[in-house]
Structure formats: structure tokens, C-alpha cells
Amino acid sequence: TFVDDLQKQGVVKEWADEFSLYDGTEFHNVDPNAD
């Protein structure tokens, strides 16, 4: 509820819903194990 109010005020925004992954040897555009 607090974050929703900050969005309406133009203080915060949605950024991303998934990140890339470096598994120790390879780079993946999307983390296949993340929710």
C-alpha cells in the first residue's frame, strides 16, 4: 500500500520482473531458476 502511494506520487516505479544470471561459468539473459 505504501509503495502504491509512492508510485502515484511519482517517487518510485516498476523496474524489472527478471534479472540475468552469471552461474559461475556462463552468462544467462534470464535466471532460469528465479520466480
Full PDB file with SEQRES, HELIX, SHEET, SSBOND, CRYST1, ORIGX, SCALE, CONECT and MASTER records, all heavy atoms in Angstrom:
SEQRES   1 A   35  THR PHE VAL ASP ASP LEU GLN LYS GLN GLY VAL VAL LYS          
SEQRES   2 A   35  GLU TRP ALA ASP GLU PHE SER LEU TYR ASP GLY THR GLU          
SEQRES   3 A   35  PHE HIS ASN VAL ASP PRO ASN ALA ASP                          
HELIX    1 AA1 PHE A    2  LYS A    8  1                                   7    
SHEET    1 AA1 2 LEU A  21  TYR A  22  0                                        
SHEET    2 AA1 2 PHE A  27  HIS A  28 -1                                        
CRYST1    1.000    1.000    1.000  90.00  90.00  90.00 P 1           1          
ORIGX1      1.000000  0.000000  0.000000        0.00000                         
ORIGX2      0.000000  1.000000  0.000000        0.00000                         
ORIGX3      0.000000  0.000000  1.000000        0.00000                         
SCALE1      1.000000  0.000000  0.000000        0.00000                         
SCALE2      0.000000  1.000000  0.000000        0.00000                         
SCALE3      0.000000  0.000000  1.000000        0.00000                         
ATOM      1  N   THR A   1       0.835  -1.205   0.000  1.00  0.00           N  
ATOM      2  CA  THR A   1       0.000   0.000   0.000  1.00  0.00           C  
ATOM      3  C   THR A   1       0.869   1.254   0.000  1.00  0.00           C  
ATOM      4  O   THR A   1       0.579   2.231  -0.709  1.00  0.00           O  
ATOM      5  CB  THR A   1      -0.934   0.004   1.226  1.00  0.00           C  
ATOM      6  OG1 THR A   1      -1.770  -1.162   1.167  1.00  0.00           O  
ATOM      7  CG2 THR A   1      -1.790   1.251   1.268  1.00  0.00           C  
ATOM      8  N   PHE A   2       1.945   1.221   0.789  1.00  0.00           N  
ATOM      9  CA  PHE A   2       2.879   2.350   0.851  1.00  0.00           C  
ATOM     10  C   PHE A   2       3.542   2.574  -0.500  1.00  0.00           C  
ATOM     11  O   PHE A   2       3.636   3.713  -0.990  1.00  0.00           O  
ATOM     12  CB  PHE A   2       3.925   2.064   1.933  1.00  0.00           C  
ATOM     13  CG  PHE A   2       5.042   3.071   2.010  1.00  0.00           C  
ATOM     14  CD1 PHE A   2       4.819   4.352   2.478  1.00  0.00           C  
ATOM     15  CD2 PHE A   2       6.331   2.727   1.622  1.00  0.00           C  
ATOM     16  CE1 PHE A   2       5.848   5.282   2.554  1.00  0.00           C  
ATOM     17  CE2 PHE A   2       7.365   3.642   1.699  1.00  0.00           C  
ATOM     18  CZ  PHE A   2       7.124   4.918   2.162  1.00  0.00           C  
ATOM     19  N   VAL A   3       3.992   1.496  -1.142  1.00  0.00           N  
ATOM     20  CA  VAL A   3       4.664   1.605  -2.438  1.00  0.00           C  
ATOM     21  C   VAL A   3       3.689   2.090  -3.514  1.00  0.00           C  
ATOM     22  O   VAL A   3       4.050   2.903  -4.366  1.00  0.00           O  
ATOM     23  CB  VAL A   3       5.304   0.257  -2.834  1.00  0.00           C  
ATOM     24  CG1 VAL A   3       5.815   0.285  -4.273  1.00  0.00           C  
ATOM     25  CG2 VAL A   3       6.459  -0.073  -1.884  1.00  0.00           C  
ATOM     26  N   ASP A   4       2.457   1.598  -3.466  1.00  0.00           N  
ATOM     27  CA  ASP A   4       1.444   2.076  -4.419  1.00  0.00           C  
ATOM     28  C   ASP A   4       1.251   3.586  -4.309  1.00  0.00           C  
ATOM     29  O   ASP A   4       1.125   4.293  -5.322  1.00  0.00           O  
ATOM     30  CB  ASP A   4       0.100   1.376  -4.166  1.00  0.00           C  
ATOM     31  CG  ASP A   4       0.091  -0.060  -4.657  1.00  0.00           C  
ATOM     32  OD1 ASP A   4       1.008  -0.443  -5.422  1.00  0.00           O  
ATOM     33  OD2 ASP A   4      -0.813  -0.818  -4.254  1.00  0.00           O  
ATOM     34  N   ASP A   5       1.248   4.085  -3.073  1.00  0.00           N  
ATOM     35  CA  ASP A   5       1.085   5.525  -2.857  1.00  0.00           C  
ATOM     36  C   ASP A   5       2.290   6.288  -3.398  1.00  0.00           C  
ATOM     37  O   ASP A   5       2.136   7.356  -4.013  1.00  0.00           O  
ATOM     38  CB  ASP A   5       0.896   5.803  -1.367  1.00  0.00           C  
ATOM     39  CG  ASP A   5       0.565   7.260  -1.084  1.00  0.00           C  
ATOM     40  OD1 ASP A   5      -0.363   7.787  -1.727  1.00  0.00           O  
ATOM     41  OD2 ASP A   5       1.239   7.877  -0.239  1.00  0.00           O  
ATOM     42  N   LEU A   6       3.501   5.731  -3.207  1.00  0.00           N  
ATOM     43  CA  LEU A   6       4.703   6.383  -3.735  1.00  0.00           C  
ATOM     44  C   LEU A   6       4.700   6.391  -5.262  1.00  0.00           C  
ATOM     45  O   LEU A   6       5.191   7.338  -5.885  1.00  0.00           O  
ATOM     46  CB  LEU A   6       5.956   5.672  -3.216  1.00  0.00           C  
ATOM     47  CG  LEU A   6       6.283   5.836  -1.733  1.00  0.00           C  
ATOM     48  CD1 LEU A   6       7.552   5.065  -1.392  1.00  0.00           C  
ATOM     49  CD2 LEU A   6       6.457   7.307  -1.349  1.00  0.00           C  
ATOM     50  N   GLN A   7       4.144   5.344  -5.863  1.00  0.00           N  
ATOM     51  CA  GLN A   7       4.023   5.324  -7.325  1.00  0.00           C  
ATOM     52  C   GLN A   7       3.125   6.452  -7.813  1.00  0.00           C  
ATOM     53  O   GLN A   7       3.439   7.135  -8.791  1.00  0.00           O  
ATOM     54  CB  GLN A   7       3.468   3.983  -7.787  1.00  0.00           C  
ATOM     55  CG  GLN A   7       4.496   2.860  -7.863  1.00  0.00           C  
ATOM     56  CD  GLN A   7       3.908   1.623  -8.502  1.00  0.00           C  
ATOM     57  OE1 GLN A   7       3.227   0.836  -7.857  1.00  0.00           O  
ATOM     58  NE2 GLN A   7       4.155   1.460  -9.785  1.00  0.00           N  
ATOM     59  N   LYS A   8       2.012   6.639  -7.131  1.00  0.00           N  
ATOM     60  CA  LYS A   8       1.080   7.697  -7.522  1.00  0.00           C  
ATOM     61  C   LYS A   8       1.714   9.075  -7.389  1.00  0.00           C  
ATOM     62  O   LYS A   8       1.395  10.000  -8.144  1.00  0.00           O  
ATOM     63  CB  LYS A   8      -0.182   7.620  -6.665  1.00  0.00           C  
ATOM     64  CG  LYS A   8      -1.018   6.381  -6.915  1.00  0.00           C  
ATOM     65  CD  LYS A   8      -2.176   6.292  -5.932  1.00  0.00           C  
ATOM     66  CE  LYS A   8      -2.962   4.998  -6.115  1.00  0.00           C  
ATOM     67  NZ  LYS A   8      -4.042   4.858  -5.091  1.00  0.00           N  
ATOM     68  N   GLN A   9       2.640   9.210  -6.421  1.00  0.00           N  
ATOM     69  CA  GLN A   9       3.312  10.491  -6.201  1.00  0.00           C  
ATOM     70  C   GLN A   9       4.517  10.683  -7.125  1.00  0.00           C  
ATOM     71  O   GLN A   9       5.158  11.732  -7.100  1.00  0.00           O  
ATOM     72  CB  GLN A   9       3.768  10.598  -4.745  1.00  0.00           C  
ATOM     73  CG  GLN A   9       2.643  10.574  -3.729  1.00  0.00           C  
ATOM     74  CD  GLN A   9       3.185  10.571  -2.310  1.00  0.00           C  
ATOM     75  OE1 GLN A   9       4.024  11.385  -1.949  1.00  0.00           O  
ATOM     76  NE2 GLN A   9       2.698   9.655  -1.484  1.00  0.00           N  
ATOM     77  N   GLY A  10       4.841   9.670  -7.915  1.00  0.00           N  
ATOM     78  CA  GLY A  10       5.979   9.769  -8.819  1.00  0.00           C  
ATOM     79  C   GLY A  10       7.319   9.626  -8.128  1.00  0.00           C  
ATOM     80  O   GLY A  10       8.334  10.150  -8.615  1.00  0.00           O  
ATOM     81  N   VAL A  11       7.357   8.898  -7.007  1.00  0.00           N  
ATOM     82  CA  VAL A  11       8.607   8.700  -6.265  1.00  0.00           C  
ATOM     83  C   VAL A  11       9.269   7.376  -6.658  1.00  0.00           C  
ATOM     84  O   VAL A  11      10.490   7.287  -6.770  1.00  0.00           O  
ATOM     85  CB  VAL A  11       8.355   8.732  -4.741  1.00  0.00           C  
ATOM     86  CG1 VAL A  11       9.644   8.451  -3.963  1.00  0.00           C  
ATOM     87  CG2 VAL A  11       7.783  10.079  -4.335  1.00  0.00           C  
ATOM     88  N   VAL A  12       8.487   6.320  -6.850  1.00  0.00           N  
ATOM     89  CA  VAL A  12       9.035   5.022  -7.234  1.00  0.00           C  
ATOM     90  C   VAL A  12       8.346   4.536  -8.506  1.00  0.00           C  
ATOM     91  O   VAL A  12       7.294   5.043  -8.905  1.00  0.00           O  
ATOM     92  CB  VAL A  12       8.882   3.963  -6.117  1.00  0.00           C  
ATOM     93  CG1 VAL A  12       9.476   4.455  -4.812  1.00  0.00           C  
ATOM     94  CG2 VAL A  12       7.425   3.559  -5.941  1.00  0.00           C  
ATOM     95  N   LYS A  13       8.944   3.531  -9.132  1.00  0.00           N  
ATOM     96  CA  LYS A  13       8.377   2.950 -10.349  1.00  0.00           C  
ATOM     97  C   LYS A  13       8.737   1.467 -10.413  1.00  0.00           C  
ATOM     98  O   LYS A  13       9.649   0.988  -9.740  1.00  0.00           O  
ATOM     99  CB  LYS A  13       8.919   3.656 -11.587  1.00  0.00           C  
ATOM    100  CG  LYS A  13      10.406   3.413 -11.824  1.00  0.00           C  
ATOM    101  CD  LYS A  13      10.885   4.045 -13.126  1.00  0.00           C  
ATOM    102  CE  LYS A  13      12.367   3.748 -13.369  1.00  0.00           C  
ATOM    103  NZ  LYS A  13      12.844   4.322 -14.658  1.00  0.00           N  
ATOM    104  N   GLU A  14       8.011   0.742 -11.236  1.00  0.00           N  
ATOM    105  CA  GLU A  14       8.372  -0.633 -11.537  1.00  0.00           C  
ATOM    106  C   GLU A  14       9.622  -0.615 -12.403  1.00  0.00           C  
ATOM    107  O   GLU A  14       9.745   0.198 -13.325  1.00  0.00           O  
ATOM    108  CB  GLU A  14       7.225  -1.329 -12.270  1.00  0.00           C  
ATOM    109  CG  GLU A  14       5.967  -1.484 -11.426  1.00  0.00           C  
ATOM    110  CD  GLU A  14       4.841  -2.157 -12.184  1.00  0.00           C  
ATOM    111  OE1 GLU A  14       4.981  -2.326 -13.416  1.00  0.00           O  
ATOM    112  OE2 GLU A  14       3.826  -2.517 -11.564  1.00  0.00           O  
ATOM    113  N   TRP A  15      10.553  -1.520 -12.094  1.00  0.00           N  
ATOM    114  CA  TRP A  15      11.825  -1.531 -12.819  1.00  0.00           C  
ATOM    115  C   TRP A  15      11.963  -2.769 -13.695  1.00  0.00           C  
ATOM    116  O   TRP A  15      12.134  -2.677 -14.907  1.00  0.00           O  
ATOM    117  CB  TRP A  15      12.982  -1.436 -11.828  1.00  0.00           C  
ATOM    118  CG  TRP A  15      14.352  -1.515 -12.442  1.00  0.00           C  
ATOM    119  CD1 TRP A  15      14.746  -0.982 -13.633  1.00  0.00           C  
ATOM    120  CD2 TRP A  15      15.506  -2.151 -11.897  1.00  0.00           C  
ATOM    121  NE1 TRP A  15      16.081  -1.238 -13.866  1.00  0.00           N  
ATOM    122  CE2 TRP A  15      16.570  -1.957 -12.805  1.00  0.00           C  
ATOM    123  CE3 TRP A  15      15.753  -2.852 -10.732  1.00  0.00           C  
ATOM    124  CZ2 TRP A  15      17.857  -2.452 -12.578  1.00  0.00           C  
ATOM    125  CZ3 TRP A  15      17.026  -3.335 -10.490  1.00  0.00           C  
ATOM    126  CH2 TRP A  15      18.078  -3.139 -11.411  1.00  0.00           C  
ATOM    127  N   ALA A  16      11.888  -3.954 -13.093  1.00  0.00           N  
ATOM    128  CA  ALA A  16      12.097  -5.194 -13.835  1.00  0.00           C  
ATOM    129  C   ALA A  16      11.411  -6.330 -13.104  1.00  0.00           C  
ATOM    130  O   ALA A  16      11.185  -6.267 -11.893  1.00  0.00           O  
ATOM    131  CB  ALA A  16      13.595  -5.481 -13.971  1.00  0.00           C  
ATOM    132  N   ASP A  17      11.075  -7.384 -13.848  1.00  0.00           N  
ATOM    133  CA  ASP A  17      10.484  -8.563 -13.209  1.00  0.00           C  
ATOM    134  C   ASP A  17      11.368  -9.789 -13.358  1.00  0.00           C  
ATOM    135  O   ASP A  17      10.995 -10.891 -12.946  1.00  0.00           O  
ATOM    136  CB  ASP A  17       9.080  -8.847 -13.746  1.00  0.00           C  
ATOM    137  CG  ASP A  17       9.068  -9.065 -15.256  1.00  0.00           C  
ATOM    138  OD1 ASP A  17      10.153  -9.057 -15.876  1.00  0.00           O  
ATOM    139  OD2 ASP A  17       7.968  -9.242 -15.805  1.00  0.00           O  
ATOM    140  N   GLU A  18      12.548  -9.625 -13.957  1.00  0.00           N  
ATOM    141  CA  GLU A  18      13.507 -10.721 -14.058  1.00  0.00           C  
ATOM    142  C   GLU A  18      14.908 -10.145 -14.275  1.00  0.00           C  
ATOM    143  O   GLU A  18      15.069  -9.076 -14.864  1.00  0.00           O  
ATOM    144  CB  GLU A  18      13.141 -11.667 -15.207  1.00  0.00           C  
ATOM    145  CG  GLU A  18      13.023 -10.967 -16.554  1.00  0.00           C  
ATOM    146  CD  GLU A  18      12.512 -11.889 -17.645  1.00  0.00           C  
ATOM    147  OE1 GLU A  18      11.945 -12.950 -17.304  1.00  0.00           O  
ATOM    148  OE2 GLU A  18      12.668 -11.545 -18.827  1.00  0.00           O  
ATOM    149  N   PHE A  19      15.902 -10.858 -13.781  1.00  0.00           N  
ATOM    150  CA  PHE A  19      17.295 -10.445 -13.921  1.00  0.00           C  
ATOM    151  C   PHE A  19      18.072 -11.491 -14.713  1.00  0.00           C  
ATOM    152  O   PHE A  19      17.637 -12.632 -14.860  1.00  0.00           O  
ATOM    153  CB  PHE A  19      17.952 -10.278 -12.547  1.00  0.00           C  
ATOM    154  CG  PHE A  19      17.427  -9.108 -11.750  1.00  0.00           C  
ATOM    155  CD1 PHE A  19      17.475  -9.130 -10.368  1.00  0.00           C  
ATOM    156  CD2 PHE A  19      16.905  -7.988 -12.371  1.00  0.00           C  
ATOM    157  CE1 PHE A  19      17.000  -8.067  -9.620  1.00  0.00           C  
ATOM    158  CE2 PHE A  19      16.417  -6.914 -11.638  1.00  0.00           C  
ATOM    159  CZ  PHE A  19      16.479  -6.955 -10.255  1.00  0.00           C  
ATOM    160  N   SER A  20      19.238 -11.080 -15.172  1.00  0.00           N  
ATOM    161  CA  SER A  20      20.160 -12.014 -15.811  1.00  0.00           C  
ATOM    162  C   SER A  20      20.899 -12.805 -14.729  1.00  0.00           C  
ATOM    163  O   SER A  20      20.782 -12.500 -13.532  1.00  0.00           O  
ATOM    164  CB  SER A  20      21.141 -11.256 -16.699  1.00  0.00           C  
ATOM    165  OG  SER A  20      20.458 -10.513 -17.690  1.00  0.00           O  
ATOM    166  N   LEU A  21      21.666 -13.782 -15.153  1.00  0.00           N  
ATOM    167  CA  LEU A  21      22.376 -14.648 -14.208  1.00  0.00           C  
ATOM    168  C   LEU A  21      23.759 -14.998 -14.743  1.00  0.00           C  
ATOM    169  O   LEU A  21      23.913 -15.332 -15.928  1.00  0.00           O  
ATOM    170  CB  LEU A  21      21.594 -15.940 -13.971  1.00  0.00           C  
ATOM    171  CG  LEU A  21      22.318 -17.039 -13.169  1.00  0.00           C  
ATOM    172  CD1 LEU A  21      22.478 -16.625 -11.708  1.00  0.00           C  
ATOM    173  CD2 LEU A  21      21.576 -18.374 -13.267  1.00  0.00           C  
ATOM    174  N   TYR A  22      24.751 -14.903 -13.859  1.00  0.00           N  
ATOM    175  CA  TYR A  22      26.067 -15.473 -14.125  1.00  0.00           C  
ATOM    176  C   TYR A  22      26.235 -16.625 -13.147  1.00  0.00           C  
ATOM    177  O   TYR A  22      26.309 -16.415 -11.929  1.00  0.00           O  
ATOM    178  CB  TYR A  22      27.176 -14.431 -13.934  1.00  0.00           C  
ATOM    179  CG  TYR A  22      28.558 -14.989 -14.168  1.00  0.00           C  
ATOM    180  CD1 TYR A  22      29.021 -15.216 -15.462  1.00  0.00           C  
ATOM    181  CD2 TYR A  22      29.393 -15.296 -13.104  1.00  0.00           C  
ATOM    182  CE1 TYR A  22      30.284 -15.735 -15.684  1.00  0.00           C  
ATOM    183  CE2 TYR A  22      30.655 -15.816 -13.308  1.00  0.00           C  
ATOM    184  CZ  TYR A  22      31.093 -16.042 -14.603  1.00  0.00           C  
ATOM    185  OH  TYR A  22      32.340 -16.560 -14.809  1.00  0.00           O  
ATOM    186  N   ASP A  23      26.252 -17.865 -13.648  1.00  0.00           N  
ATOM    187  CA  ASP A  23      26.224 -19.040 -12.778  1.00  0.00           C  
ATOM    188  C   ASP A  23      27.597 -19.515 -12.325  1.00  0.00           C  
ATOM    189  O   ASP A  23      27.735 -20.573 -11.713  1.00  0.00           O  
ATOM    190  CB  ASP A  23      25.480 -20.190 -13.465  1.00  0.00           C  
ATOM    191  CG  ASP A  23      26.179 -20.669 -14.740  1.00  0.00           C  
ATOM    192  OD1 ASP A  23      27.327 -20.235 -15.006  1.00  0.00           O  
ATOM    193  OD2 ASP A  23      25.574 -21.479 -15.480  1.00  0.00           O  
ATOM    194  N   GLY A  24      28.615 -18.728 -12.605  1.00  0.00           N  
ATOM    195  CA  GLY A  24      29.977 -19.099 -12.242  1.00  0.00           C  
ATOM    196  C   GLY A  24      30.824 -19.426 -13.453  1.00  0.00           C  
ATOM    197  O   GLY A  24      32.051 -19.317 -13.418  1.00  0.00           O  
ATOM    198  N   THR A  25      30.159 -19.795 -14.538  1.00  0.00           N  
ATOM    199  CA  THR A  25      30.873 -20.096 -15.786  1.00  0.00           C  
ATOM    200  C   THR A  25      30.212 -19.455 -17.003  1.00  0.00           C  
ATOM    201  O   THR A  25      30.888 -19.075 -17.947  1.00  0.00           O  
ATOM    202  CB  THR A  25      30.949 -21.617 -16.017  1.00  0.00           C  
ATOM    203  OG1 THR A  25      29.624 -22.158 -15.998  1.00  0.00           O  
ATOM    204  CG2 THR A  25      31.796 -22.295 -14.938  1.00  0.00           C  
ATOM    205  N   GLU A  26      28.881 -19.326 -16.965  1.00  0.00           N  
ATOM    206  CA  GLU A  26      28.162 -18.813 -18.129  1.00  0.00           C  
ATOM    207  C   GLU A  26      27.229 -17.664 -17.756  1.00  0.00           C  
ATOM    208  O   GLU A  26      26.727 -17.594 -16.630  1.00  0.00           O  
ATOM    209  CB  GLU A  26      27.322 -19.919 -18.779  1.00  0.00           C  
ATOM    210  CG  GLU A  26      28.122 -21.017 -19.429  1.00  0.00           C  
ATOM    211  CD  GLU A  26      27.202 -22.004 -20.129  1.00  0.00           C  
ATOM    212  OE1 GLU A  26      26.603 -21.626 -21.173  1.00  0.00           O  
ATOM    213  OE2 GLU A  26      27.057 -23.128 -19.638  1.00  0.00           O  
ATOM    214  N   PHE A  27      26.991 -16.809 -18.754  1.00  0.00           N  
ATOM    215  CA  PHE A  27      26.038 -15.717 -18.608  1.00  0.00           C  
ATOM    216  C   PHE A  27      24.704 -16.142 -19.230  1.00  0.00           C  
ATOM    217  O   PHE A  27      24.668 -16.639 -20.357  1.00  0.00           O  
ATOM    218  CB  PHE A  27      26.562 -14.456 -19.307  1.00  0.00           C  
ATOM    219  CG  PHE A  27      25.606 -13.293 -19.276  1.00  0.00           C  
ATOM    220  CD1 PHE A  27      25.605 -12.406 -18.215  1.00  0.00           C  
ATOM    221  CD2 PHE A  27      24.701 -13.088 -20.313  1.00  0.00           C  
ATOM    222  CE1 PHE A  27      24.728 -11.326 -18.179  1.00  0.00           C  
ATOM    223  CE2 PHE A  27      23.818 -12.018 -20.299  1.00  0.00           C  
ATOM    224  CZ  PHE A  27      23.835 -11.134 -19.227  1.00  0.00           C  
ATOM    225  N   HIS A  28      23.604 -15.947 -18.483  1.00  0.00           N  
ATOM    226  CA  HIS A  28      22.266 -16.244 -18.980  1.00  0.00           C  
ATOM    227  C   HIS A  28      21.462 -14.942 -18.999  1.00  0.00           C  
ATOM    228  O   HIS A  28      21.449 -14.202 -18.019  1.00  0.00           O  
ATOM    229  CB  HIS A  28      21.561 -17.252 -18.069  1.00  0.00           C  
ATOM    230  CG  HIS A  28      22.327 -18.530 -17.879  1.00  0.00           C  
ATOM    231  ND1 HIS A  28      22.147 -19.628 -18.699  1.00  0.00           N  
ATOM    232  CD2 HIS A  28      23.286 -18.875 -16.985  1.00  0.00           C  
ATOM    233  CE1 HIS A  28      22.947 -20.606 -18.294  1.00  0.00           C  
ATOM    234  NE2 HIS A  28      23.654 -20.175 -17.263  1.00  0.00           N  
ATOM    235  N   ASN A  29      20.784 -14.681 -20.106  1.00  0.00           N  
ATOM    236  CA  ASN A  29      19.988 -13.454 -20.209  1.00  0.00           C  
ATOM    237  C   ASN A  29      18.914 -13.373 -19.136  1.00  0.00           C  
ATOM    238  O   ASN A  29      18.572 -12.296 -18.657  1.00  0.00           O  
ATOM    239  CB  ASN A  29      19.344 -13.356 -21.591  1.00  0.00           C  
ATOM    240  CG  ASN A  29      20.363 -13.011 -22.660  1.00  0.00           C  
ATOM    241  OD1 ASN A  29      21.308 -12.256 -22.403  1.00  0.00           O  
ATOM    242  ND2 ASN A  29      20.198 -13.564 -23.846  1.00  0.00           N  
ATOM    243  N   VAL A  30      18.369 -14.529 -18.763  1.00  0.00           N  
ATOM    244  CA  VAL A  30      17.346 -14.609 -17.728  1.00  0.00           C  
ATOM    245  C   VAL A  30      17.716 -15.735 -16.772  1.00  0.00           C  
ATOM    246  O   VAL A  30      18.141 -16.811 -17.204  1.00  0.00           O  
ATOM    247  CB  VAL A  30      15.945 -14.877 -18.326  1.00  0.00           C  
ATOM    248  CG1 VAL A  30      14.909 -15.032 -17.220  1.00  0.00           C  
ATOM    249  CG2 VAL A  30      15.543 -13.755 -19.271  1.00  0.00           C  
ATOM    250  N   ASP A  31      17.583 -15.485 -15.466  1.00  0.00           N  
ATOM    251  CA  ASP A  31      17.828 -16.511 -14.468  1.00  0.00           C  
ATOM    252  C   ASP A  31      16.746 -17.591 -14.590  1.00  0.00           C  
ATOM    253  O   ASP A  31      15.576 -17.337 -14.294  1.00  0.00           O  
ATOM    254  CB  ASP A  31      17.796 -15.885 -13.068  1.00  0.00           C  
ATOM    255  CG  ASP A  31      18.116 -16.886 -11.971  1.00  0.00           C  
ATOM    256  OD1 ASP A  31      18.174 -18.095 -12.252  1.00  0.00           O  
ATOM    257  OD2 ASP A  31      18.308 -16.447 -10.814  1.00  0.00           O  
ATOM    258  N   PRO A  32      17.108 -18.798 -15.026  1.00  0.00           N  
ATOM    259  CA  PRO A  32      16.077 -19.821 -15.260  1.00  0.00           C  
ATOM    260  C   PRO A  32      15.468 -20.373 -13.982  1.00  0.00           C  
ATOM    261  O   PRO A  32      14.401 -21.007 -14.035  1.00  0.00           O  
ATOM    262  CB  PRO A  32      16.853 -20.911 -16.016  1.00  0.00           C  
ATOM    263  CG  PRO A  32      18.272 -20.733 -15.575  1.00  0.00           C  
ATOM    264  CD  PRO A  32      18.457 -19.262 -15.362  1.00  0.00           C  
ATOM    265  N   ASN A  33      16.101 -20.136 -12.848  1.00  0.00           N  
ATOM    266  CA  ASN A  33      15.624 -20.702 -11.589  1.00  0.00           C  
ATOM    267  C   ASN A  33      14.855 -19.713 -10.723  1.00  0.00           C  
ATOM    268  O   ASN A  33      14.346 -20.086  -9.667  1.00  0.00           O  
ATOM    269  CB  ASN A  33      16.812 -21.251 -10.782  1.00  0.00           C  
ATOM    270  CG  ASN A  33      17.598 -22.292 -11.549  1.00  0.00           C  
ATOM    271  OD1 ASN A  33      17.015 -23.193 -12.140  1.00  0.00           O  
ATOM    272  ND2 ASN A  33      18.923 -22.153 -11.552  1.00  0.00           N  
ATOM    273  N   ALA A  34      14.770 -18.474 -11.165  1.00  0.00           N  
ATOM    274  CA  ALA A  34      14.140 -17.441 -10.333  1.00  0.00           C  
ATOM    275  C   ALA A  34      12.629 -17.414 -10.538  1.00  0.00           C  
ATOM    276  O   ALA A  34      12.130 -17.639 -11.646  1.00  0.00           O  
ATOM    277  CB  ALA A  34      14.727 -16.072 -10.658  1.00  0.00           C  
ATOM    278  N   ASP A  35      11.907 -17.146  -9.449  1.00  0.00           N  
ATOM    279  CA  ASP A  35      10.474 -16.919  -9.537  1.00  0.00           C  
ATOM    280  C   ASP A  35      10.240 -15.470  -9.963  1.00  0.00           C  
ATOM    281  O   ASP A  35      10.753 -14.557  -9.315  1.00  0.00           O  
ATOM    282  CB  ASP A  35       9.791 -17.175  -8.189  1.00  0.00           C  
ATOM    283  CG  ASP A  35       9.881 -18.630  -7.764  1.00  0.00           C  
ATOM    284  OD1 ASP A  35       9.854 -19.491  -8.665  1.00  0.00           O  
ATOM    285  OD2 ASP A  35       9.978 -18.893  -6.544  1.00  0.00           O  
TER     286      ASP A  35                                                      
MASTER        0    0    0    1    2    0    0    6  285    1    0    3          
END                                                                             
